Amino acid sequence: MADIPFDYNIDKQVRIPEDATIFVQQRRITDQTISEDTQRPIRTSTNNDWNPIMSNLFNLPFAFSINPQTLKNLLQHRKNIQPNSGDDKWSEKAIKGLIKRLTKASMIDDLQTALDTQSSQTRCVTIPRDAQKKLIEPNPSQTVRKAFHDITPVVAFCRIWRWPDLNTHLELRPNETCVNAFQHEKDQICVNPYHYERVVAPFIPPVYVPVSDRAVFDSTTSERMQIQPDSTVPMDFATSPADQQRTAVNSPASVQDNYEAMTPTQASINQQQQQQQQQVAATNFNGIQTAPIAYAETPFWCSILYYELNQRVGEIFHASLNSLVIDGFCDPNASDRFCLGSLTNVNRTTESEACRRMIGSGVRLYYIGGEVFAECLSDTPIFVQSPSCNQRFQWHPATVCKIPPRCNLKIFSNTEFAQMLSETIQYGYEAVYNLTRICAIRMSFVKGWGEEYRRRTIMSTPCWVEIHLNGPMQWLDNVLQQLPAPGTMSSK
């Protein structure tokens, strides 16, 4: 693969719709209603293991005292906690803060019942929403999630009592019976860990390709194959672009509800149905027998290349963890961080140097349930060109989207890509090959590009990255190996 990625002839700059911007601003105004005491954690210890997690709870007036036996019972239900470790001290402090801030004394018993029975048919365990409004840092002893990862009490207690590897609320889906789940915007928020389920990636059906090396295409299909390099195969959407743009970018407090999380039971049922369908006689493609090619995950879900202007800098970063940060700092060995500050360039310009100083916490990428999200952690916006996102919103394929600080955007979906690939196979080899562009996402820091900027292309921006999605790219490769090359096809 060439060092310099593909480029479109026309780059367009699209700003966040006004209604979406107002939505984010309203969230922030609401955050400002929290008292200053809850906004500024008060450090009461000089120990290195102090952590501000749940600091809002600690700083507010306490509602209940702590019963030693109750605390002991709750501590026994923690997952994968080593005694006297940093996690042990962190989780104990968090649980103490929770007990003191429960809105009703009876909820202590409700919480114990939920942990003992591990049932979703238990009562809500609520704390004041104001106690979790301020984003807080995670346990610094957990290296995978250290630095720049903001978590909420819901994530913290789900991590303590159910999923130690949980990273973000985007991985959680509240059950239907919980009336105080975090997305309902009520004054009380439920932290019962068994009122939430983890998002499960939906089953992706295989695509069917001709098994014959002499596939026959009619003249109409042959003409359709002559697709321009910058074009994509059209898709139908149920909602209008205006409706979709309203939810294109979300504030940290909002929930990505534009995907359906599936329970393991539902996923297994769908998989069985797909297997039964595959056992039926192979479908026909213009009279040619076809065979299924399934999607498979790769050891590294994405590879990231860093550029300054039109020059690639440093080695390729291969991401194996489902959550990673691209930042401007200097750790060269972290598996969950691609630190651009440690990369050297003898040809670095003063503009690139100034831009690198402003990257700061950068951007966080999540791969959750077969979908990729980008969250801006920096104090300056990031600019993203995602053909998959543009296809979803029916924008021009070269559209550049601005993501403000502390907002997130879904930039890729395996399910959407599977539908796109399935529909594109009928157009032939070249049309399928053009989908490789869908599997690459370009992102610049601090400086944007497009029609409204003096930088017309991303290769004119000081600092930028290109993200290659390896799973979809490997799937495309498997399909292309089965399709006849353009020179071998005949038209009748």
Foldseek 3Di string as FASTA:
>chain_A
DDPFDDFDPAFAADEQDPLLVVVQVVLVVVLVVQDPQLQDQDDPDPDPLDFCALSLLVRDQFQDQDDVVLLVLVLVQFPPDDPPDSVSVVVSVLVRSLCRFWPDPCLSVQLSVCSVVVALPTDFTKGFPSSFSHFTADRCVPQLQHDLQTETLLQVLLCTRPNVPDRACQQKDFDPPDPQDLQNPDRIHGNNNSRIDGFAAAFQFFAKAFQDLADAAAPVLQVLLPDDLQDADADDDPDALVVVSSVQKAFRSHYPPPDDGDDPVRRVVVVVVSVVVQPPAADAQVNGGIHTDGFDQDQFQKKKWKDFQRDTWDDIQTARDQKAWEAQDADPDRNRYNHPVNIDDPPADPQLVVQSVQCGRHWMWGCGSQWIKIAGQGQAKKKKQAQQSCSNSVHRNSYIYIHHHNMMGTRDGPNSVSVRLNVQVSSFLSNLVSCQSNQKMKMAGRDDERDVDPHPIPSRGRIIMMMGRPRVVVSSVVNNVSTHDPVSYDHD
